[in-house]
Amino acid sequence: MNNARPHVARSVKAELEGYGWHVLPHPPYSPDLAPSDYHLFKHLSHFLRVQNFKDRKDVESALKGFFGSQTAEFYRAGINALPGRWKETVNANGHYF
């Protein structure tokens, strides 16, 4: 693949287009389009703001508690927001918003 990013390699694009899917160009890293950045980390940041940790075990325990306490709807909401965020990004035509 000559170090080509897998999501833009010709063979992958051809395979996806064979399913009738359109491959849309976007930057290799775009926080506007990463559910972990715009959804998960925002909530995790708020959760961690009020925490004090004595050691690594405290951190691990808190993180396990946070991730375990989120409902399926929480994770679904982050994924379902993606089409709207994609539209905003495309409409921005390469400009920051």
PDB file of N, CA and C in Angstrom:
ATOM      1  N   MET A   1       0.818  -1.204   0.000  1.00  0.00           N
ATOM      2  CA  MET A   1       0.000   0.000   0.000  1.00  0.00           C
ATOM      3  C   MET A   1       0.860   1.267   0.000  1.00  0.00           C
ATOM      4  N   ASN A   2       2.165   1.145   0.053  1.00  0.00           N
ATOM      5  CA  ASN A   2       3.056   2.307   0.028  1.00  0.00           C
ATOM      6  C   ASN A   2       2.694   3.355   1.073  1.00  0.00           C
ATOM      7  N   ASN A   3       2.399   2.889   2.274  1.00  0.00           N
ATOM      8  CA  ASN A   3       2.053   3.766   3.387  1.00  0.00           C
ATOM      9  C   ASN A   3       0.800   4.600   3.143  1.00  0.00           C
ATOM     10  N   ALA A   4      -0.040   4.197   2.215  1.00  0.00           N
ATOM     11  CA  ALA A   4      -1.295   4.915   1.971  1.00  0.00           C
ATOM     12  C   ALA A   4      -2.226   4.679   3.148  1.00  0.00           C
ATOM     13  N   ARG A   5      -2.947   5.701   3.497  1.00  0.00           N
ATOM     14  CA  ARG A   5      -3.934   5.537   4.556  1.00  0.00           C
ATOM     15  C   ARG A   5      -4.973   4.546   4.060  1.00  0.00           C
ATOM     16  N   PRO A   6      -5.343   3.551   4.880  1.00  0.00           N
ATOM     17  CA  PRO A   6      -6.254   2.501   4.409  1.00  0.00           C
ATOM     18  C   PRO A   6      -7.602   3.019   3.911  1.00  0.00           C
ATOM     19  N   HIS A   7      -8.088   4.129   4.492  1.00  0.00           N
ATOM     20  CA  HIS A   7      -9.409   4.594   4.085  1.00  0.00           C
ATOM     21  C   HIS A   7      -9.395   5.326   2.744  1.00  0.00           C
ATOM     22  N   VAL A   8      -8.218   5.541   2.159  1.00  0.00           N
ATOM     23  CA  VAL A   8      -8.176   6.189   0.854  1.00  0.00           C
ATOM     24  C   VAL A   8      -7.448   5.350  -0.187  1.00  0.00           C
ATOM     25  N   ALA A   9      -6.969   4.178   0.188  1.00  0.00           N
ATOM     26  CA  ALA A   9      -6.298   3.316  -0.780  1.00  0.00           C
ATOM     27  C   ALA A   9      -7.276   2.966  -1.905  1.00  0.00           C
ATOM     28  N   ARG A  10      -6.767   2.909  -3.124  1.00  0.00           N
ATOM     29  CA  ARG A  10      -7.624   2.651  -4.284  1.00  0.00           C
ATOM     30  C   ARG A  10      -8.448   1.378  -4.146  1.00  0.00           C
ATOM     31  N   SER A  11      -7.813   0.319  -3.687  1.00  0.00           N
ATOM     32  CA  SER A  11      -8.540  -0.958  -3.598  1.00  0.00           C
ATOM     33  C   SER A  11      -9.681  -0.874  -2.575  1.00  0.00           C
ATOM     34  N   VAL A  12      -9.450  -0.174  -1.489  1.00  0.00           N
ATOM     35  CA  VAL A  12     -10.501  -0.025  -0.477  1.00  0.00           C
ATOM     36  C   VAL A  12     -11.623   0.853  -1.020  1.00  0.00           C
ATOM     37  N   LYS A  13     -11.246   1.958  -1.666  1.00  0.00           N
ATOM     38  CA  LYS A  13     -12.271   2.834  -2.257  1.00  0.00           C
ATOM     39  C   LYS A  13     -13.105   2.078  -3.280  1.00  0.00           C
ATOM     40  N   ALA A  14     -12.455   1.266  -4.101  1.00  0.00           N
ATOM     41  CA  ALA A  14     -13.182   0.498  -5.120  1.00  0.00           C
ATOM     42  C   ALA A  14     -14.132  -0.493  -4.463  1.00  0.00           C
ATOM     43  N   GLU A  15     -13.674  -1.139  -3.410  1.00  0.00           N
ATOM     44  CA  GLU A  15     -14.533  -2.098  -2.698  1.00  0.00           C
ATOM     45  C   GLU A  15     -15.751  -1.396  -2.113  1.00  0.00           C
ATOM     46  N   LEU A  16     -15.548  -0.270  -1.465  1.00  0.00           N
ATOM     47  CA  LEU A  16     -16.668   0.465  -0.872  1.00  0.00           C
ATOM     48  C   LEU A  16     -17.637   0.959  -1.940  1.00  0.00           C
ATOM     49  N   GLU A  17     -17.103   1.456  -3.041  1.00  0.00           N
ATOM     50  CA  GLU A  17     -17.964   1.929  -4.115  1.00  0.00           C
ATOM     51  C   GLU A  17     -18.753   0.774  -4.727  1.00  0.00           C
ATOM     52  N   GLY A  18     -18.185  -0.441  -4.679  1.00  0.00           N
ATOM     53  CA  GLY A  18     -18.893  -1.625  -5.146  1.00  0.00           C
ATOM     54  C   GLY A  18     -20.152  -1.900  -4.334  1.00  0.00           C
ATOM     55  N   TYR A  19     -20.163  -1.443  -3.078  1.00  0.00           N
ATOM     56  CA  TYR A  19     -21.351  -1.575  -2.220  1.00  0.00           C
ATOM     57  C   TYR A  19     -22.308  -0.397  -2.400  1.00  0.00           C
ATOM     58  N   GLY A  20     -21.921   0.539  -3.261  1.00  0.00           N
ATOM     59  CA  GLY A  20     -22.760   1.711  -3.474  1.00  0.00           C
ATOM     60  C   GLY A  20     -22.480   2.817  -2.470  1.00  0.00           C
ATOM     61  N   TRP A  21     -21.391   2.692  -1.726  1.00  0.00           N
ATOM     62  CA  TRP A  21     -21.026   3.714  -0.745  1.00  0.00           C
ATOM     63  C   TRP A  21     -20.133   4.749  -1.406  1.00  0.00           C
ATOM     64  N   HIS A  22     -20.282   5.991  -1.025  1.00  0.00           N
ATOM     65  CA  HIS A  22     -19.448   7.060  -1.537  1.00  0.00           C
ATOM     66  C   HIS A  22     -18.399   7.396  -0.486  1.00  0.00           C
ATOM     67  N   VAL A  23     -17.163   7.448  -0.892  1.00  0.00           N
ATOM     68  CA  VAL A  23     -16.073   7.795   0.016  1.00  0.00           C
ATOM     69  C   VAL A  23     -15.894   9.303  -0.022  1.00  0.00           C
ATOM     70  N   LEU A  24     -16.100   9.938   1.111  1.00  0.00           N
ATOM     71  CA  LEU A  24     -15.979  11.389   1.197  1.00  0.00           C
ATOM     72  C   LEU A  24     -14.607  11.757   1.737  1.00  0.00           C
ATOM     73  N   PRO A  25     -13.964  12.732   1.132  1.00  0.00           N
ATOM     74  CA  PRO A  25     -12.631  13.127   1.609  1.00  0.00           C
ATOM     75  C   PRO A  25     -12.732  13.887   2.924  1.00  0.00           C
ATOM     76  N   HIS A  26     -11.789  13.640   3.795  1.00  0.00           N
ATOM     77  CA  HIS A  26     -11.666  14.423   5.017  1.00  0.00           C
ATOM     78  C   HIS A  26     -10.245  14.299   5.526  1.00  0.00           C
ATOM     79  N   PRO A  27      -9.819  15.210   6.381  1.00  0.00           N
ATOM     80  CA  PRO A  27      -8.453  15.141   6.879  1.00  0.00           C
ATOM     81  C   PRO A  27      -8.237  13.853   7.676  1.00  0.00           C
ATOM     82  N   PRO A  28      -7.000  13.349   7.717  1.00  0.00           N
ATOM     83  CA  PRO A  28      -6.754  12.103   8.434  1.00  0.00           C
ATOM     84  C   PRO A  28      -7.085  12.199   9.911  1.00  0.00           C
ATOM     85  N   TYR A  29      -6.959  13.385  10.501  1.00  0.00           N
ATOM     86  CA  TYR A  29      -7.363  13.570  11.886  1.00  0.00           C
ATOM     87  C   TYR A  29      -8.234  14.798  11.935  1.00  0.00           C
ATOM     88  N   SER A  30      -9.447  14.632  12.332  1.00  0.00           N
ATOM     89  CA  SER A  30     -10.368  15.753  12.448  1.00  0.00           C
ATOM     90  C   SER A  30     -11.161  15.590  13.731  1.00  0.00           C
ATOM     91  N   PRO A  31     -10.852  16.368  14.775  1.00  0.00           N
ATOM     92  CA  PRO A  31     -11.587  16.228  16.027  1.00  0.00           C
ATOM     93  C   PRO A  31     -13.079  16.508  15.879  1.00  0.00           C
ATOM     94  N   ASP A  32     -13.453  17.267  14.854  1.00  0.00           N
ATOM     95  CA  ASP A  32     -14.867  17.523  14.624  1.00  0.00           C
ATOM     96  C   ASP A  32     -15.607  16.259  14.222  1.00  0.00           C
ATOM     97  N   LEU A  33     -14.856  15.270  13.729  1.00  0.00           N
ATOM     98  CA  LEU A  33     -15.479  14.058  13.224  1.00  0.00           C
ATOM     99  C   LEU A  33     -15.124  12.820  14.046  1.00  0.00           C
ATOM    100  N   ALA A  34     -14.478  12.999  15.171  1.00  0.00           N
ATOM    101  CA  ALA A  34     -14.105  11.869  16.019  1.00  0.00           C
ATOM    102  C   ALA A  34     -15.018  11.850  17.245  1.00  0.00           C
ATOM    103  N   PRO A  35     -15.967  10.915  17.306  1.00  0.00           N
ATOM    104  CA  PRO A  35     -16.886  10.883  18.450  1.00  0.00           C
ATOM    105  C   PRO A  35     -16.177  10.865  19.796  1.00  0.00           C
ATOM    106  N   SER A  36     -14.988  10.271  19.845  1.00  0.00           N
ATOM    107  CA  SER A  36     -14.258  10.274  21.110  1.00  0.00           C
ATOM    108  C   SER A  36     -13.896  11.697  21.513  1.00  0.00           C
ATOM    109  N   ASP A  37     -13.546  12.551  20.553  1.00  0.00           N
ATOM    110  CA  ASP A  37     -13.161  13.918  20.871  1.00  0.00           C
ATOM    111  C   ASP A  37     -14.350  14.809  21.198  1.00  0.00           C
ATOM    112  N   TYR A  38     -15.374  14.815  20.368  1.00  0.00           N
ATOM    113  CA  TYR A  38     -16.454  15.769  20.575  1.00  0.00           C
ATOM    114  C   TYR A  38     -17.508  15.280  21.558  1.00  0.00           C
ATOM    115  N   HIS A  39     -17.520  14.012  21.888  1.00  0.00           N
ATOM    116  CA  HIS A  39     -18.571  13.502  22.789  1.00  0.00           C
ATOM    117  C   HIS A  39     -17.969  12.876  24.047  1.00  0.00           C
ATOM    118  N   LEU A  40     -17.244  11.811  23.880  1.00  0.00           N
ATOM    119  CA  LEU A  40     -16.739  11.047  25.018  1.00  0.00           C
ATOM    120  C   LEU A  40     -15.784  11.856  25.887  1.00  0.00           C
ATOM    121  N   PHE A  41     -14.755  12.449  25.293  1.00  0.00           N
ATOM    122  CA  PHE A  41     -13.749  13.146  26.083  1.00  0.00           C
ATOM    123  C   PHE A  41     -14.318  14.379  26.777  1.00  0.00           C
ATOM    124  N   LYS A  42     -15.320  15.003  26.178  1.00  0.00           N
ATOM    125  CA  LYS A  42     -15.951  16.165  26.822  1.00  0.00           C
ATOM    126  C   LYS A  42     -16.571  15.739  28.146  1.00  0.00           C
ATOM    127  N   HIS A  43     -17.310  14.646  28.137  1.00  0.00           N
ATOM    128  CA  HIS A  43     -17.947  14.162  29.360  1.00  0.00           C
ATOM    129  C   HIS A  43     -16.918  13.612  30.340  1.00  0.00           C
ATOM    130  N   LEU A  44     -15.921  12.928  29.834  1.00  0.00           N
ATOM    131  CA  LEU A  44     -14.874  12.395  30.691  1.00  0.00           C
ATOM    132  C   LEU A  44     -14.116  13.527  31.376  1.00  0.00           C
ATOM    133  N   SER A  45     -13.861  14.591  30.657  1.00  0.00           N
ATOM    134  CA  SER A  45     -13.169  15.753  31.219  1.00  0.00           C
ATOM    135  C   SER A  45     -13.961  16.347  32.384  1.00  0.00           C
ATOM    136  N   HIS A  46     -15.272  16.479  32.212  1.00  0.00           N
ATOM    137  CA  HIS A  46     -16.116  17.003  33.298  1.00  0.00           C
ATOM    138  C   HIS A  46     -16.080  16.077  34.506  1.00  0.00           C
ATOM    139  N   PHE A  47     -16.104  14.795  34.256  1.00  0.00           N
ATOM    140  CA  PHE A  47     -16.063  13.806  35.328  1.00  0.00           C
ATOM    141  C   PHE A  47     -14.734  13.889  36.088  1.00  0.00           C
ATOM    142  N   LEU A  48     -13.631  14.004  35.367  1.00  0.00           N
ATOM    143  CA  LEU A  48     -12.313  14.003  35.993  1.00  0.00           C
ATOM    144  C   LEU A  48     -12.000  15.294  36.737  1.00  0.00           C
ATOM    145  N   ARG A  49     -12.663  16.374  36.369  1.00  0.00           N
ATOM    146  CA  ARG A  49     -12.411  17.662  37.014  1.00  0.00           C
ATOM    147  C   ARG A  49     -12.606  17.623  38.536  1.00  0.00           C
ATOM    148  N   VAL A  50     -13.536  16.830  38.973  1.00  0.00           N
ATOM    149  CA  VAL A  50     -13.862  16.804  40.407  1.00  0.00           C
ATOM    150  C   VAL A  50     -13.204  15.637  41.137  1.00  0.00           C
ATOM    151  N   GLN A  51     -12.276  14.961  40.479  1.00  0.00           N
ATOM    152  CA  GLN A  51     -11.635  13.788  41.072  1.00  0.00           C
ATOM    153  C   GLN A  51     -10.260  14.134  41.633  1.00  0.00           C
ATOM    154  N   ASN A  52      -9.881  13.420  42.676  1.00  0.00           N
ATOM    155  CA  ASN A  52      -8.523  13.470  43.220  1.00  0.00           C
ATOM    156  C   ASN A  52      -8.037  12.038  43.332  1.00  0.00           C
ATOM    157  N   PHE A  53      -6.856  11.780  42.798  1.00  0.00           N
ATOM    158  CA  PHE A  53      -6.338  10.424  42.783  1.00  0.00           C
ATOM    159  C   PHE A  53      -5.072  10.336  43.610  1.00  0.00           C
ATOM    160  N   LYS A  54      -4.969   9.258  44.370  1.00  0.00           N
ATOM    161  CA  LYS A  54      -3.760   9.025  45.170  1.00  0.00           C
ATOM    162  C   LYS A  54      -2.746   8.196  44.408  1.00  0.00           C
ATOM    163  N   ASP A  55      -3.234   7.299  43.561  1.00  0.00           N
ATOM    164  CA  ASP A  55      -2.333   6.420  42.826  1.00  0.00           C
ATOM    165  C   ASP A  55      -3.012   5.907  41.560  1.00  0.00           C
ATOM    166  N   ARG A  56      -2.270   5.091  40.838  1.00  0.00           N
ATOM    167  CA  ARG A  56      -2.758   4.565  39.560  1.00  0.00           C
ATOM    168  C   ARG A  56      -4.035   3.742  39.729  1.00  0.00           C
ATOM    169  N   LYS A  57      -4.125   2.977  40.805  1.00  0.00           N
ATOM    170  CA  LYS A  57      -5.323   2.150  41.031  1.00  0.00           C
ATOM    171  C   LYS A  57      -6.568   3.029  41.156  1.00  0.00           C
ATOM    172  N   ASP A  58      -6.431   4.183  41.799  1.00  0.00           N
ATOM    173  CA  ASP A  58      -7.559   5.108  41.914  1.00  0.00           C
ATOM    174  C   ASP A  58      -8.003   5.598  40.537  1.00  0.00           C
ATOM    175  N   VAL A  59      -7.028   5.892  39.688  1.00  0.00           N
ATOM    176  CA  VAL A  59      -7.341   6.358  38.332  1.00  0.00           C
ATOM    177  C   VAL A  59      -8.058   5.257  37.555  1.00  0.00           C
ATOM    178  N   GLU A  60      -7.507   4.050  37.603  1.00  0.00           N
ATOM    179  CA  GLU A  60      -8.109   2.929  36.886  1.00  0.00           C
ATOM    180  C   GLU A  60      -9.523   2.661  37.377  1.00  0.00           C
ATOM    181  N   SER A  61      -9.713   2.701  38.677  1.00  0.00           N
ATOM    182  CA  SER A  61     -11.035   2.451  39.255  1.00  0.00           C
ATOM    183  C   SER A  61     -12.042   3.512  38.812  1.00  0.00           C
ATOM    184  N   ALA A  62     -11.613   4.777  38.835  1.00  0.00           N
ATOM    185  CA  ALA A  62     -12.502   5.869  38.428  1.00  0.00           C
ATOM    186  C   ALA A  62     -12.877   5.745  36.960  1.00  0.00           C
ATOM    187  N   LEU A  63     -11.899   5.429  36.112  1.00  0.00           N
ATOM    188  CA  LEU A  63     -12.181   5.298  34.686  1.00  0.00           C
ATOM    189  C   LEU A  63     -13.108   4.124  34.399  1.00  0.00           C
ATOM    190  N   LYS A  64     -12.864   3.012  35.048  1.00  0.00           N
ATOM    191  CA  LYS A  64     -13.760   1.863  34.871  1.00  0.00           C
ATOM    192  C   LYS A  64     -15.169   2.220  35.319  1.00  0.00           C
ATOM    193  N   GLY A  65     -15.268   2.949  36.420  1.00  0.00           N
ATOM    194  CA  GLY A  65     -16.577   3.385  36.905  1.00  0.00           C
ATOM    195  C   GLY A  65     -17.272   4.311  35.930  1.00  0.00           C
ATOM    196  N   PHE A  66     -16.509   5.257  35.378  1.00  0.00           N
ATOM    197  CA  PHE A  66     -17.093   6.202  34.423  1.00  0.00           C
ATOM    198  C   PHE A  66     -17.612   5.472  33.186  1.00  0.00           C
ATOM    199  N   PHE A  67     -16.744   4.668  32.557  1.00  0.00           N
ATOM    200  CA  PHE A  67     -17.151   3.983  31.332  1.00  0.00           C
ATOM    201  C   PHE A  67     -18.279   2.990  31.588  1.00  0.00           C
ATOM    202  N   GLY A  68     -18.240   2.337  32.732  1.00  0.00           N
ATOM    203  CA  GLY A  68     -19.287   1.371  33.064  1.00  0.00           C
ATOM    204  C   GLY A  68     -20.617   2.009  33.405  1.00  0.00           C
ATOM    205  N   SER A  69     -20.586   3.258  33.854  1.00  0.00           N
ATOM    206  CA  SER A  69     -21.826   3.922  34.256  1.00  0.00           C
ATOM    207  C   SER A  69     -22.578   4.548  33.085  1.00  0.00           C
ATOM    208  N   GLN A  70     -21.915   4.653  31.928  1.00  0.00           N
ATOM    209  CA  GLN A  70     -22.575   5.258  30.766  1.00  0.00           C
ATOM    210  C   GLN A  70     -23.524   4.246  30.132  1.00  0.00           C
ATOM    211  N   THR A  71     -24.675   4.726  29.768  1.00  0.00           N
ATOM    212  CA  THR A  71     -25.675   3.858  29.140  1.00  0.00           C
ATOM    213  C   THR A  71     -25.352   3.662  27.658  1.00  0.00           C
ATOM    214  N   ALA A  72     -26.008   2.689  27.071  1.00  0.00           N
ATOM    215  CA  ALA A  72     -25.840   2.470  25.633  1.00  0.00           C
ATOM    216  C   ALA A  72     -26.280   3.724  24.871  1.00  0.00           C
ATOM    217  N   GLU A  73     -27.272   4.414  25.372  1.00  0.00           N
ATOM    218  CA  GLU A  73     -27.762   5.629  24.716  1.00  0.00           C
ATOM    219  C   GLU A  73     -26.690   6.717  24.698  1.00  0.00           C
ATOM    220  N   PHE A  74     -25.881   6.796  25.746  1.00  0.00           N
ATOM    221  CA  PHE A  74     -24.782   7.766  25.792  1.00  0.00           C
ATOM    222  C   PHE A  74     -23.846   7.542  24.602  1.00  0.00           C
ATOM    223  N   TYR A  75     -23.423   6.298  24.411  1.00  0.00           N
ATOM    224  CA  TYR A  75     -22.518   5.989  23.306  1.00  0.00           C
ATOM    225  C   TYR A  75     -23.221   6.156  21.955  1.00  0.00           C
ATOM    226  N   ARG A  76     -24.473   5.768  21.892  1.00  0.00           N
ATOM    227  CA  ARG A  76     -25.255   5.900  20.659  1.00  0.00           C
ATOM    228  C   ARG A  76     -25.382   7.370  20.265  1.00  0.00           C
ATOM    229  N   ALA A  77     -25.582   8.252  21.238  1.00  0.00           N
ATOM    230  CA  ALA A  77     -25.743   9.682  20.955  1.00  0.00           C
ATOM    231  C   ALA A  77     -24.493  10.248  20.292  1.00  0.00           C
ATOM    232  N   GLY A  78     -23.325   9.815  20.753  1.00  0.00           N
ATOM    233  CA  GLY A  78     -22.082  10.281  20.136  1.00  0.00           C
ATOM    234  C   GLY A  78     -21.970   9.849  18.693  1.00  0.00           C
ATOM    235  N   ILE A  79     -22.324   8.611  18.423  1.00  0.00           N
ATOM    236  CA  ILE A  79     -22.264   8.097  17.050  1.00  0.00           C
ATOM    237  C   ILE A  79     -23.339   8.752  16.186  1.00  0.00           C
ATOM    238  N   ASN A  80     -24.546   8.926  16.731  1.00  0.00           N
ATOM    239  CA  ASN A  80     -25.640   9.508  15.951  1.00  0.00           C
ATOM    240  C   ASN A  80     -25.430  10.982  15.639  1.00  0.00           C
ATOM    241  N   ALA A  81     -24.581  11.657  16.388  1.00  0.00           N
ATOM    242  CA  ALA A  81     -24.289  13.065  16.112  1.00  0.00           C
ATOM    243  C   ALA A  81     -23.347  13.208  14.917  1.00  0.00           C
ATOM    244  N   LEU A  82     -22.707  12.124  14.536  1.00  0.00           N
ATOM    245  CA  LEU A  82     -21.704  12.183  13.479  1.00  0.00           C
ATOM    246  C   LEU A  82     -22.230  12.711  12.141  1.00  0.00           C
ATOM    247  N   PRO A  83     -23.399  12.284  11.636  1.00  0.00           N
ATOM    248  CA  PRO A  83     -23.852  12.821  10.343  1.00  0.00           C
ATOM    249  C   PRO A  83     -24.019  14.345  10.346  1.00  0.00           C
ATOM    250  N   GLY A  84     -24.541  14.891  11.423  1.00  0.00           N
ATOM    251  CA  GLY A  84     -24.694  16.347  11.505  1.00  0.00           C
ATOM    252  C   GLY A  84     -23.358  17.058  11.557  1.00  0.00           C
ATOM    253  N   ARG A  85     -22.423  16.476  12.297  1.00  0.00           N
ATOM    254  CA  ARG A  85     -21.090  17.070  12.387  1.00  0.00           C
ATOM    255  C   ARG A  85     -20.373  16.965  11.043  1.00  0.00           C
ATOM    256  N   TRP A  86     -20.589  15.842  10.342  1.00  0.00           N
ATOM    257  CA  TRP A  86     -19.993  15.687   9.018  1.00  0.00           C
ATOM    258  C   TRP A  86     -20.515  16.776   8.085  1.00  0.00           C
ATOM    259  N   LYS A  87     -21.827  17.010   8.127  1.00  0.00           N
ATOM    260  CA  LYS A  87     -22.438  18.027   7.262  1.00  0.00           C
ATOM    261  C   LYS A  87     -21.847  19.408   7.569  1.00  0.00           C
ATOM    262  N   GLU A  88     -21.704  19.734   8.855  1.00  0.00           N
ATOM    263  CA  GLU A  88     -21.103  21.020   9.243  1.00  0.00           C
ATOM    264  C   GLU A  88     -19.691  21.148   8.695  1.00  0.00           C
ATOM    265  N   THR A  89     -18.932  20.073   8.816  1.00  0.00           N
ATOM    266  CA  THR A  89     -17.541  20.083   8.357  1.00  0.00           C
ATOM    267  C   THR A  89     -17.465  20.271   6.848  1.00  0.00           C
ATOM    268  N   VAL A  90     -18.292  19.555   6.113  1.00  0.00           N
ATOM    269  CA  VAL A  90     -18.306  19.686   4.650  1.00  0.00           C
ATOM    270  C   VAL A  90     -18.751  21.094   4.258  1.00  0.00           C
ATOM    271  N   ASN A  91     -19.788  21.616   4.917  1.00  0.00           N
ATOM    272  CA  ASN A  91     -20.280  22.956   4.598  1.00  0.00           C
ATOM    273  C   ASN A  91     -19.267  24.049   4.927  1.00  0.00           C
ATOM    274  N   ALA A  92     -18.359  23.778   5.872  1.00  0.00           N
ATOM    275  CA  ALA A  92     -17.337  24.763   6.230  1.00  0.00           C
ATOM    276  C   ALA A  92     -16.274  24.876   5.135  1.00  0.00           C
ATOM    277  N   ASN A  93     -16.282  23.918   4.195  1.00  0.00           N
ATOM    278  CA  ASN A  93     -15.398  23.963   3.028  1.00  0.00           C
ATOM    279  C   ASN A  93     -13.924  24.160   3.406  1.00  0.00           C
ATOM    280  N   GLY A  94     -13.483  23.430   4.431  1.00  0.00           N
ATOM    281  CA  GLY A  94     -12.078  23.477   4.825  1.00  0.00           C
ATOM    282  C   GLY A  94     -11.744  24.543   5.849  1.00  0.00           C
ATOM    283  N   HIS A  95     -12.708  25.379   6.196  1.00  0.00           N
ATOM    284  CA  HIS A  95     -12.475  26.427   7.183  1.00  0.00           C
ATOM    285  C   HIS A  95     -12.825  25.914   8.578  1.00  0.00           C
ATOM    286  N   TYR A  96     -12.173  26.457   9.573  1.00  0.00           N
ATOM    287  CA  TYR A  96     -12.482  26.118  10.951  1.00  0.00           C
ATOM    288  C   TYR A  96     -13.811  26.749  11.351  1.00  0.00           C
ATOM    289  N   PHE A  97     -14.527  26.092  12.249  1.00  0.00           N
ATOM    290  CA  PHE A  97     -15.787  26.655  12.739  1.00  0.00           C
ATOM    291  C   PHE A  97     -15.918  26.400  14.212  1.00  0.00           C
TER     292      PHE A  97
END
